[in-house]
PDB file of all heavy atoms in Angstrom:
ATOM      1  N   MET A   1      89.150 108.958 112.011  1.00  0.00           N
ATOM      2  CA  MET A   1      89.333 110.334 111.565  1.00  0.00           C
ATOM      3  C   MET A   1      89.115 110.468 110.060  1.00  0.00           C
ATOM      4  O   MET A   1      89.327 109.539 109.292  1.00  0.00           O
ATOM      5  CB  MET A   1      90.750 110.823 111.917  1.00  0.00           C
ATOM      6  CG  MET A   1      91.148 110.629 113.376  1.00  0.00           C
ATOM      7  SD  MET A   1      90.160 111.608 114.541  1.00  0.00           S
ATOM      8  CE  MET A   1      90.853 113.234 114.264  1.00  0.00           C
ATOM      9  N   PHE A   2      88.679 111.672 109.660  1.00  0.00           N
ATOM     10  CA  PHE A   2      88.532 111.997 108.241  1.00  0.00           C
ATOM     11  C   PHE A   2      89.571 113.065 107.879  1.00  0.00           C
ATOM     12  O   PHE A   2      89.658 114.110 108.530  1.00  0.00           O
ATOM     13  CB  PHE A   2      87.128 112.529 107.948  1.00  0.00           C
ATOM     14  CG  PHE A   2      86.055 111.482 108.011  1.00  0.00           C
ATOM     15  CD1 PHE A   2      85.258 111.355 109.135  1.00  0.00           C
ATOM     16  CD2 PHE A   2      85.848 110.616 106.943  1.00  0.00           C
ATOM     17  CE1 PHE A   2      84.251 110.395 109.195  1.00  0.00           C
ATOM     18  CE2 PHE A   2      84.850 109.655 106.985  1.00  0.00           C
ATOM     19  CZ  PHE A   2      84.053 109.536 108.114  1.00  0.00           C
ATOM     20  N   TYR A   3      90.336 112.788 106.821  1.00  0.00           N
ATOM     21  CA  TYR A   3      91.351 113.705 106.323  1.00  0.00           C
ATOM     22  C   TYR A   3      90.811 114.357 105.053  1.00  0.00           C
ATOM     23  O   TYR A   3      90.532 113.669 104.063  1.00  0.00           O
ATOM     24  CB  TYR A   3      92.661 112.959 106.035  1.00  0.00           C
ATOM     25  CG  TYR A   3      93.325 112.417 107.273  1.00  0.00           C
ATOM     26  CD1 TYR A   3      92.809 111.309 107.952  1.00  0.00           C
ATOM     27  CD2 TYR A   3      94.482 113.016 107.792  1.00  0.00           C
ATOM     28  CE1 TYR A   3      93.413 110.816 109.102  1.00  0.00           C
ATOM     29  CE2 TYR A   3      95.094 112.523 108.942  1.00  0.00           C
ATOM     30  CZ  TYR A   3      94.547 111.427 109.581  1.00  0.00           C
ATOM     31  OH  TYR A   3      95.155 110.937 110.720  1.00  0.00           O
ATOM     32  N   ILE A   4      90.670 115.682 105.078  1.00  0.00           N
ATOM     33  CA  ILE A   4      90.001 116.401 103.994  1.00  0.00           C
ATOM     34  C   ILE A   4      90.948 117.431 103.393  1.00  0.00           C
ATOM     35  O   ILE A   4      91.542 118.242 104.118  1.00  0.00           O
ATOM     36  CB  ILE A   4      88.725 117.115 104.517  1.00  0.00           C
ATOM     37  CG1 ILE A   4      87.853 116.128 105.301  1.00  0.00           C
ATOM     38  CG2 ILE A   4      87.932 117.727 103.359  1.00  0.00           C
ATOM     39  CD1 ILE A   4      86.773 116.791 106.127  1.00  0.00           C
ATOM     40  N   LYS A   5      91.067 117.411 102.051  1.00  0.00           N
ATOM     41  CA  LYS A   5      91.937 118.357 101.364  1.00  0.00           C
ATOM     42  C   LYS A   5      91.232 118.935 100.140  1.00  0.00           C
ATOM     43  O   LYS A   5      90.500 118.225  99.447  1.00  0.00           O
ATOM     44  CB  LYS A   5      93.248 117.686 100.926  1.00  0.00           C
ATOM     45  CG  LYS A   5      94.225 117.425 102.051  1.00  0.00           C
ATOM     46  CD  LYS A   5      95.558 116.958 101.496  1.00  0.00           C
ATOM     47  CE  LYS A   5      96.579 116.749 102.625  1.00  0.00           C
ATOM     48  NZ  LYS A   5      97.918 116.371 102.095  1.00  0.00           N
ATOM     49  N   GLY A   6      91.489 120.219  99.880  1.00  0.00           N
ATOM     50  CA  GLY A   6      90.922 120.854  98.691  1.00  0.00           C
ATOM     51  C   GLY A   6      91.011 122.356  98.803  1.00  0.00           C
ATOM     52  O   GLY A   6      91.704 122.905  99.677  1.00  0.00           O
ATOM     53  N   GLN A   7      90.331 123.019  97.904  1.00  0.00           N
ATOM     54  CA  GLN A   7      90.312 124.477  97.906  1.00  0.00           C
ATOM     55  C   GLN A   7      88.895 124.967  97.616  1.00  0.00           C
ATOM     56  O   GLN A   7      88.239 124.483  96.701  1.00  0.00           O
ATOM     57  CB  GLN A   7      91.274 125.039  96.855  1.00  0.00           C
ATOM     58  CG  GLN A   7      91.491 126.536  96.951  1.00  0.00           C
ATOM     59  CD  GLN A   7      92.410 127.059  95.853  1.00  0.00           C
ATOM     60  OE1 GLN A   7      91.970 127.243  94.722  1.00  0.00           O
ATOM     61  NE2 GLN A   7      93.676 127.277  96.184  1.00  0.00           N
ATOM     62  N   LYS A   8      88.410 125.907  98.419  1.00  0.00           N
ATOM     63  CA  LYS A   8      87.069 126.467  98.248  1.00  0.00           C
ATOM     64  C   LYS A   8      87.185 127.985  98.089  1.00  0.00           C
ATOM     65  O   LYS A   8      88.145 128.595  98.571  1.00  0.00           O
ATOM     66  CB  LYS A   8      86.196 126.150  99.470  1.00  0.00           C
ATOM     67  CG  LYS A   8      86.070 124.659  99.807  1.00  0.00           C
ATOM     68  CD  LYS A   8      85.196 123.929  98.815  1.00  0.00           C
ATOM     69  CE  LYS A   8      84.922 122.491  99.270  1.00  0.00           C
ATOM     70  NZ  LYS A   8      84.057 121.762  98.322  1.00  0.00           N
ATOM     71  N   HIS A   9      86.174 128.574  97.424  1.00  0.00           N
ATOM     72  CA  HIS A   9      86.196 130.037  97.329  1.00  0.00           C
ATOM     73  C   HIS A   9      84.786 130.605  97.278  1.00  0.00           C
ATOM     74  O   HIS A   9      83.802 129.900  97.092  1.00  0.00           O
ATOM     75  CB  HIS A   9      87.022 130.493  96.120  1.00  0.00           C
ATOM     76  CG  HIS A   9      86.313 130.424  94.796  1.00  0.00           C
ATOM     77  ND1 HIS A   9      86.553 131.298  93.773  1.00  0.00           N
ATOM     78  CD2 HIS A   9      85.375 129.571  94.330  1.00  0.00           C
ATOM     79  CE1 HIS A   9      85.797 130.996  92.733  1.00  0.00           C
ATOM     80  NE2 HIS A   9      85.073 129.955  93.036  1.00  0.00           N
ATOM     81  N   TRP A  10      84.721 131.913  97.506  1.00  0.00           N
ATOM     82  CA  TRP A  10      83.475 132.678  97.518  1.00  0.00           C
ATOM     83  C   TRP A  10      82.518 132.259  98.640  1.00  0.00           C
ATOM     84  O   TRP A  10      81.316 132.416  98.525  1.00  0.00           O
ATOM     85  CB  TRP A  10      82.740 132.613  96.171  1.00  0.00           C
ATOM     86  CG  TRP A  10      83.249 133.619  95.177  1.00  0.00           C
ATOM     87  CD1 TRP A  10      83.816 133.325  93.965  1.00  0.00           C
ATOM     88  CD2 TRP A  10      83.264 135.050  95.286  1.00  0.00           C
ATOM     89  NE1 TRP A  10      84.180 134.487  93.316  1.00  0.00           N
ATOM     90  CE2 TRP A  10      83.847 135.564  94.096  1.00  0.00           C
ATOM     91  CE3 TRP A  10      82.836 135.950  96.265  1.00  0.00           C
ATOM     92  CZ2 TRP A  10      84.012 136.936  93.874  1.00  0.00           C
ATOM     93  CZ3 TRP A  10      82.997 137.313  96.046  1.00  0.00           C
ATOM     94  CH2 TRP A  10      83.571 137.796  94.871  1.00  0.00           C
ATOM     95  N   GLN A  11      83.078 131.726  99.717  1.00  0.00           N
ATOM     96  CA  GLN A  11      82.235 131.463 100.878  1.00  0.00           C
ATOM     97  C   GLN A  11      82.110 132.740 101.704  1.00  0.00           C
ATOM     98  O   GLN A  11      83.130 133.322 102.101  1.00  0.00           O
ATOM     99  CB  GLN A  11      82.826 130.350 101.767  1.00  0.00           C
ATOM    100  CG  GLN A  11      82.582 128.944 101.270  1.00  0.00           C
ATOM    101  CD  GLN A  11      83.401 128.592 100.047  1.00  0.00           C
ATOM    102  OE1 GLN A  11      84.543 128.952  99.940  1.00  0.00           O
ATOM    103  NE2 GLN A  11      82.803 127.861  99.116  1.00  0.00           N
ATOM    104  N   GLY A  12      80.873 133.174 101.957  1.00  0.00           N
ATOM    105  CA  GLY A  12      80.681 134.313 102.833  1.00  0.00           C
ATOM    106  C   GLY A  12      81.188 133.990 104.226  1.00  0.00           C
ATOM    107  O   GLY A  12      81.033 132.868 104.709  1.00  0.00           O
ATOM    108  N   LEU A  13      81.835 134.959 104.874  1.00  0.00           N
ATOM    109  CA  LEU A  13      82.448 134.825 106.204  1.00  0.00           C
ATOM    110  C   LEU A  13      83.787 134.097 106.151  1.00  0.00           C
ATOM    111  O   LEU A  13      84.262 133.567 107.156  1.00  0.00           O
ATOM    112  CB  LEU A  13      81.509 134.120 107.195  1.00  0.00           C
ATOM    113  CG  LEU A  13      80.143 134.768 107.386  1.00  0.00           C
ATOM    114  CD1 LEU A  13      79.298 133.954 108.370  1.00  0.00           C
ATOM    115  CD2 LEU A  13      80.275 136.202 107.871  1.00  0.00           C
ATOM    116  N   SER A  14      84.401 134.059 104.945  1.00  0.00           N
ATOM    117  CA  SER A  14      85.741 133.459 104.828  1.00  0.00           C
ATOM    118  C   SER A  14      86.698 134.141 105.799  1.00  0.00           C
ATOM    119  O   SER A  14      86.747 135.366 105.893  1.00  0.00           O
ATOM    120  CB  SER A  14      86.263 133.623 103.399  1.00  0.00           C
ATOM    121  OG  SER A  14      85.543 132.822 102.495  1.00  0.00           O
ATOM    122  N   GLY A  15      87.444 133.324 106.537  1.00  0.00           N
ATOM    123  CA  GLY A  15      88.399 133.856 107.502  1.00  0.00           C
ATOM    124  C   GLY A  15      87.779 134.415 108.759  1.00  0.00           C
ATOM    125  O   GLY A  15      88.484 134.904 109.634  1.00  0.00           O
ATOM    126  N   VAL A  16      86.450 134.355 108.854  1.00  0.00           N
ATOM    127  CA  VAL A  16      85.745 134.952 109.995  1.00  0.00           C
ATOM    128  C   VAL A  16      84.969 133.904 110.796  1.00  0.00           C
ATOM    129  O   VAL A  16      84.947 133.941 112.035  1.00  0.00           O
ATOM    130  CB  VAL A  16      84.767 136.048 109.503  1.00  0.00           C
ATOM    131  CG1 VAL A  16      83.961 136.608 110.669  1.00  0.00           C
ATOM    132  CG2 VAL A  16      85.535 137.152 108.788  1.00  0.00           C
ATOM    133  N   ALA A  17      84.320 132.965 110.116  1.00  0.00           N
ATOM    134  CA  ALA A  17      83.445 131.994 110.782  1.00  0.00           C
ATOM    135  C   ALA A  17      84.218 131.133 111.777  1.00  0.00           C
ATOM    136  O   ALA A  17      85.389 130.795 111.565  1.00  0.00           O
ATOM    137  CB  ALA A  17      82.756 131.112 109.750  1.00  0.00           C
ATOM    138  N   ASP A  18      83.540 130.781 112.860  1.00  0.00           N
ATOM    139  CA  ASP A  18      84.129 129.914 113.882  1.00  0.00           C
ATOM    140  C   ASP A  18      83.962 128.436 113.527  1.00  0.00           C
ATOM    141  O   ASP A  18      84.736 127.593 113.972  1.00  0.00           O
ATOM    142  CB  ASP A  18      83.460 130.182 115.233  1.00  0.00           C
ATOM    143  CG  ASP A  18      83.540 131.645 115.632  1.00  0.00           C
ATOM    144  OD1 ASP A  18      84.612 132.065 116.088  1.00  0.00           O
ATOM    145  OD2 ASP A  18      82.532 132.365 115.467  1.00  0.00           O
ATOM    146  N   PHE A  19      82.929 128.140 112.750  1.00  0.00           N
ATOM    147  CA  PHE A  19      82.650 126.768 112.341  1.00  0.00           C
ATOM    148  C   PHE A  19      82.308 126.747 110.854  1.00  0.00           C
ATOM    149  O   PHE A  19      81.769 127.710 110.313  1.00  0.00           O
ATOM    150  CB  PHE A  19      81.459 126.184 113.130  1.00  0.00           C
ATOM    151  CG  PHE A  19      81.690 126.069 114.606  1.00  0.00           C
ATOM    152  CD1 PHE A  19      81.321 127.093 115.464  1.00  0.00           C
ATOM    153  CD2 PHE A  19      82.285 124.932 115.152  1.00  0.00           C
ATOM    154  CE1 PHE A  19      81.527 126.992 116.836  1.00  0.00           C
ATOM    155  CE2 PHE A  19      82.503 124.826 116.515  1.00  0.00           C
ATOM    156  CZ  PHE A  19      82.125 125.856 117.363  1.00  0.00           C
ATOM    157  N   TRP A  20      82.624 125.628 110.217  1.00  0.00           N
ATOM    158  CA  TRP A  20      82.266 125.433 108.809  1.00  0.00           C
ATOM    159  C   TRP A  20      81.665 124.043 108.618  1.00  0.00           C
ATOM    160  O   TRP A  20      82.041 123.095 109.308  1.00  0.00           O
ATOM    161  CB  TRP A  20      83.495 125.544 107.899  1.00  0.00           C
ATOM    162  CG  TRP A  20      84.066 126.910 107.789  1.00  0.00           C
ATOM    163  CD1 TRP A  20      85.165 127.401 108.442  1.00  0.00           C
ATOM    164  CD2 TRP A  20      83.573 127.981 106.976  1.00  0.00           C
ATOM    165  NE1 TRP A  20      85.385 128.710 108.088  1.00  0.00           N
ATOM    166  CE2 TRP A  20      84.429 129.085 107.185  1.00  0.00           C
ATOM    167  CE3 TRP A  20      82.503 128.109 106.095  1.00  0.00           C
ATOM    168  CZ2 TRP A  20      84.242 130.309 106.542  1.00  0.00           C
ATOM    169  CZ3 TRP A  20      82.313 129.325 105.448  1.00  0.00           C
ATOM    170  CH2 TRP A  20      83.175 130.410 105.670  1.00  0.00           C
ATOM    171  N   ILE A  21      80.731 123.948 107.673  1.00  0.00           N
ATOM    172  CA  ILE A  21      80.349 122.660 107.125  1.00  0.00           C
ATOM    173  C   ILE A  21      81.030 122.570 105.768  1.00  0.00           C
ATOM    174  O   ILE A  21      80.825 123.431 104.906  1.00  0.00           O
ATOM    175  CB  ILE A  21      78.820 122.517 106.976  1.00  0.00           C
ATOM    176  CG1 ILE A  21      78.154 122.485 108.350  1.00  0.00           C
ATOM    177  CG2 ILE A  21      78.463 121.261 106.188  1.00  0.00           C
ATOM    178  CD1 ILE A  21      76.629 122.445 108.307  1.00  0.00           C
ATOM    179  N   VAL A  22      81.874 121.565 105.582  1.00  0.00           N
ATOM    180  CA  VAL A  22      82.684 121.434 104.380  1.00  0.00           C
ATOM    181  C   VAL A  22      82.208 120.238 103.560  1.00  0.00           C
ATOM    182  O   VAL A  22      82.041 119.133 104.089  1.00  0.00           O
ATOM    183  CB  VAL A  22      84.179 121.251 104.733  1.00  0.00           C
ATOM    184  CG1 VAL A  22      85.025 121.140 103.472  1.00  0.00           C
ATOM    185  CG2 VAL A  22      84.661 122.409 105.602  1.00  0.00           C
ATOM    186  N   ALA A  23      81.996 120.454 102.266  1.00  0.00           N
ATOM    187  CA  ALA A  23      81.575 119.392 101.355  1.00  0.00           C
ATOM    188  C   ALA A  23      82.791 118.780 100.674  1.00  0.00           C
ATOM    189  O   ALA A  23      83.699 119.495 100.238  1.00  0.00           O
ATOM    190  CB  ALA A  23      80.616 119.946 100.303  1.00  0.00           C
ATOM    191  N   ALA A  24      82.799 117.451 100.579  1.00  0.00           N
ATOM    192  CA  ALA A  24      83.923 116.758  99.941  1.00  0.00           C
ATOM    193  C   ALA A  24      83.458 115.406  99.401  1.00  0.00           C
ATOM    194  O   ALA A  24      82.416 114.881  99.815  1.00  0.00           O
ATOM    195  CB  ALA A  24      85.069 116.559 100.941  1.00  0.00           C
ATOM    196  N   ARG A  25      84.239 114.873  98.478  1.00  0.00           N
ATOM    197  CA  ARG A  25      83.949 113.557  97.897  1.00  0.00           C
ATOM    198  C   ARG A  25      85.006 112.558  98.351  1.00  0.00           C
ATOM    199  O   ARG A  25      86.191 112.901  98.478  1.00  0.00           O
ATOM    200  CB  ARG A  25      83.932 113.634  96.371  1.00  0.00           C
ATOM    201  CG  ARG A  25      82.851 114.551  95.820  1.00  0.00           C
ATOM    202  CD  ARG A  25      83.117 114.944  94.381  1.00  0.00           C
ATOM    203  NE  ARG A  25      83.012 113.799  93.485  1.00  0.00           N
ATOM    204  CZ  ARG A  25      83.496 113.784  92.245  1.00  0.00           C
ATOM    205  NH1 ARG A  25      84.130 114.853  91.763  1.00  0.00           N
ATOM    206  NH2 ARG A  25      83.340 112.703  91.490  1.00  0.00           N
ATOM    207  N   GLU A  26      84.592 111.338  98.581  1.00  0.00           N
ATOM    208  CA  GLU A  26      85.519 110.314  99.081  1.00  0.00           C
ATOM    209  C   GLU A  26      86.500 109.903  97.997  1.00  0.00           C
ATOM    210  O   GLU A  26      86.133 109.653  96.845  1.00  0.00           O
ATOM    211  CB  GLU A  26      84.752 109.089  99.576  1.00  0.00           C
ATOM    212  CG  GLU A  26      85.667 108.041 100.196  1.00  0.00           C
ATOM    213  CD  GLU A  26      84.913 106.899 100.828  1.00  0.00           C
ATOM    214  OE1 GLU A  26      83.687 106.775 100.585  1.00  0.00           O
ATOM    215  OE2 GLU A  26      85.539 106.117 101.571  1.00  0.00           O
ATOM    216  N   SER A  27      87.772 109.837  98.376  1.00  0.00           N
ATOM    217  CA  SER A  27      88.820 109.381  97.469  1.00  0.00           C
ATOM    218  C   SER A  27      88.894 107.859  97.524  1.00  0.00           C
ATOM    219  O   SER A  27      89.141 107.267  98.577  1.00  0.00           O
ATOM    220  CB  SER A  27      90.167 109.995  97.868  1.00  0.00           C
ATOM    221  OG  SER A  27      91.180 109.567  96.991  1.00  0.00           O
ATOM    222  N   LYS A  28      88.666 107.215  96.376  1.00  0.00           N
ATOM    223  CA  LYS A  28      88.673 105.753  96.321  1.00  0.00           C
ATOM    224  C   LYS A  28      90.095 105.224  96.157  1.00  0.00           C
ATOM    225  O   LYS A  28      91.038 105.969  95.865  1.00  0.00           O
ATOM    226  CB  LYS A  28      87.800 105.279  95.158  1.00  0.00           C
ATOM    227  CG  LYS A  28      86.329 105.647  95.293  1.00  0.00           C
ATOM    228  CD  LYS A  28      85.532 105.112  94.107  1.00  0.00           C
ATOM    229  CE  LYS A  28      84.047 105.422  94.243  1.00  0.00           C
ATOM    230  NZ  LYS A  28      83.271 104.917  93.079  1.00  0.00           N
ATOM    231  N   LEU A  29      90.244 103.916  96.308  1.00  0.00           N
ATOM    232  CA  LEU A  29      91.558 103.296  96.220  1.00  0.00           C
ATOM    233  C   LEU A  29      92.187 103.469  94.844  1.00  0.00           C
ATOM    234  O   LEU A  29      93.414 103.536  94.713  1.00  0.00           O
ATOM    235  CB  LEU A  29      91.457 101.798  96.563  1.00  0.00           C
ATOM    236  CG  LEU A  29      91.091 101.483  98.022  1.00  0.00           C
ATOM    237  CD1 LEU A  29      90.921  99.976  98.215  1.00  0.00           C
ATOM    238  CD2 LEU A  29      92.149 102.028  98.981  1.00  0.00           C
ATOM    239  N   ASN A  30      91.350 103.534  93.799  1.00  0.00           N
ATOM    240  CA  ASN A  30      91.872 103.683  92.437  1.00  0.00           C
ATOM    241  C   ASN A  30      92.187 105.142  92.085  1.00  0.00           C
ATOM    242  O   ASN A  30      92.523 105.455  90.941  1.00  0.00           O
ATOM    243  CB  ASN A  30      90.897 103.099  91.415  1.00  0.00           C
ATOM    244  CG  ASN A  30      89.539 103.795  91.431  1.00  0.00           C
ATOM    245  OD1 ASN A  30      89.343 104.787  92.135  1.00  0.00           O
ATOM    246  ND2 ASN A  30      88.607 103.262  90.669  1.00  0.00           N
ATOM    247  N   GLY A  31      92.048 106.034  93.052  1.00  0.00           N
ATOM    248  CA  GLY A  31      92.369 107.437  92.824  1.00  0.00           C
ATOM    249  C   GLY A  31      91.202 108.283  92.356  1.00  0.00           C
ATOM    250  O   GLY A  31      91.300 109.516  92.325  1.00  0.00           O
ATOM    251  N   GLU A  32      90.108 107.654  91.979  1.00  0.00           N
ATOM    252  CA  GLU A  32      88.941 108.400  91.543  1.00  0.00           C
ATOM    253  C   GLU A  32      88.133 108.871  92.753  1.00  0.00           C
ATOM    254  O   GLU A  32      88.289 108.358  93.864  1.00  0.00           O
ATOM    255  CB  GLU A  32      88.068 107.534  90.631  1.00  0.00           C
ATOM    256  CG  GLU A  32      88.739 107.159  89.317  1.00  0.00           C
ATOM    257  CD  GLU A  32      87.819 106.337  88.420  1.00  0.00           C
ATOM    258  OE1 GLU A  32      86.685 106.036  88.855  1.00  0.00           O
ATOM    259  OE2 GLU A  32      88.239 106.004  87.294  1.00  0.00           O
ATOM    260  N   LEU A  33      87.257 109.847  92.520  1.00  0.00           N
ATOM    261  CA  LEU A  33      86.423 110.361  93.591  1.00  0.00           C
ATOM    262  C   LEU A  33      85.011 109.805  93.471  1.00  0.00           C
ATOM    263  O   LEU A  33      84.485 109.647  92.362  1.00  0.00           O
ATOM    264  CB  LEU A  33      86.377 111.894  93.547  1.00  0.00           C
ATOM    265  CG  LEU A  33      87.717 112.617  93.742  1.00  0.00           C
ATOM    266  CD1 LEU A  33      87.513 114.127  93.694  1.00  0.00           C
ATOM    267  CD2 LEU A  33      88.368 112.212  95.055  1.00  0.00           C
ATOM    268  N   ALA A  34      84.414 109.517  94.613  1.00  0.00           N
ATOM    269  CA  ALA A  34      83.047 108.982  94.622  1.00  0.00           C
ATOM    270  C   ALA A  34      82.086 110.001  94.031  1.00  0.00           C
ATOM    271  O   ALA A  34      82.318 111.216  94.089  1.00  0.00           O
ATOM    272  CB  ALA A  34      82.637 108.635  96.049  1.00  0.00           C
ATOM    273  N   ARG A  35      80.982 109.519  93.475  1.00  0.00           N
ATOM    274  CA  ARG A  35      79.982 110.434  92.913  1.00  0.00           C
ATOM    275  C   ARG A  35      79.261 111.192  94.022  1.00  0.00           C
ATOM    276  O   ARG A  35      78.964 112.373  93.878  1.00  0.00           O
ATOM    277  CB  ARG A  35      78.970 109.642  92.080  1.00  0.00           C
ATOM    278  CG  ARG A  35      77.788 110.499  91.634  1.00  0.00           C
ATOM    279  CD  ARG A  35      76.889 109.796  90.640  1.00  0.00           C
ATOM    280  NE  ARG A  35      75.642 110.525  90.455  1.00  0.00           N
ATOM    281  CZ  ARG A  35      75.506 111.652  89.768  1.00  0.00           C
ATOM    282  NH1 ARG A  35      76.568 112.202  89.198  1.00  0.00           N
ATOM    283  NH2 ARG A  35      74.330 112.254  89.645  1.00  0.00           N
ATOM    284  N   ASP A  36      78.996 110.534  95.148  1.00  0.00           N
ATOM    285  CA  ASP A  36      78.251 111.166  96.225  1.00  0.00           C
ATOM    286  C   ASP A  36      79.119 112.193  96.953  1.00  0.00           C
ATOM    287  O   ASP A  36      80.346 112.213  96.819  1.00  0.00           O
ATOM    288  CB  ASP A  36      77.737 110.113  97.197  1.00  0.00           C
ATOM    289  CG  ASP A  36      76.553 110.603  98.020  1.00  0.00           C
ATOM    290  OD1 ASP A  36      75.930 111.608  97.611  1.00  0.00           O
ATOM    291  OD2 ASP A  36      76.239 109.994  99.055  1.00  0.00           O
ATOM    292  N   ILE A  37      78.469 113.043  97.715  1.00  0.00           N
ATOM    293  CA  ILE A  37      79.140 114.108  98.465  1.00  0.00           C
ATOM    294  C   ILE A  37      78.846 113.927  99.948  1.00  0.00           C
ATOM    295  O   ILE A  37      77.722 113.596 100.327  1.00  0.00           O
ATOM    296  CB  ILE A  37      78.646 115.495  98.002  1.00  0.00           C
ATOM    297  CG1 ILE A  37      78.967 115.705  96.524  1.00  0.00           C
ATOM    298  CG2 ILE A  37      79.267 116.616  98.831  1.00  0.00           C
ATOM    299  CD1 ILE A  37      78.331 116.940  95.929  1.00  0.00           C
ATOM    300  N   ASP A  38      79.853 114.118 100.775  1.00  0.00           N
ATOM    301  CA  ASP A  38      79.652 114.074 102.228  1.00  0.00           C
ATOM    302  C   ASP A  38      79.979 115.435 102.828  1.00  0.00           C
ATOM    303  O   ASP A  38      80.684 116.257 102.223  1.00  0.00           O
ATOM    304  CB  ASP A  38      80.523 112.986 102.856  1.00  0.00           C
ATOM    305  CG  ASP A  38      79.956 111.597 102.603  1.00  0.00           C
ATOM    306  OD1 ASP A  38      78.889 111.289 103.156  1.00  0.00           O
ATOM    307  OD2 ASP A  38      80.567 110.827 101.832  1.00  0.00           O
TER     308      ASP A  38
END
C-alpha cells in the first residue's frame, strides 16, 4: 500500500470528481523528499 498525505488546491472539479490522479514525492528515511514525482 501507498500512504499519501498533503494538501492540493485549484484543481478543477474539486469535490466533484469520482477519480483523481494525485502527484506526490516519496518520503525518505532521513525525512527528506525524493526529487522525482510519482
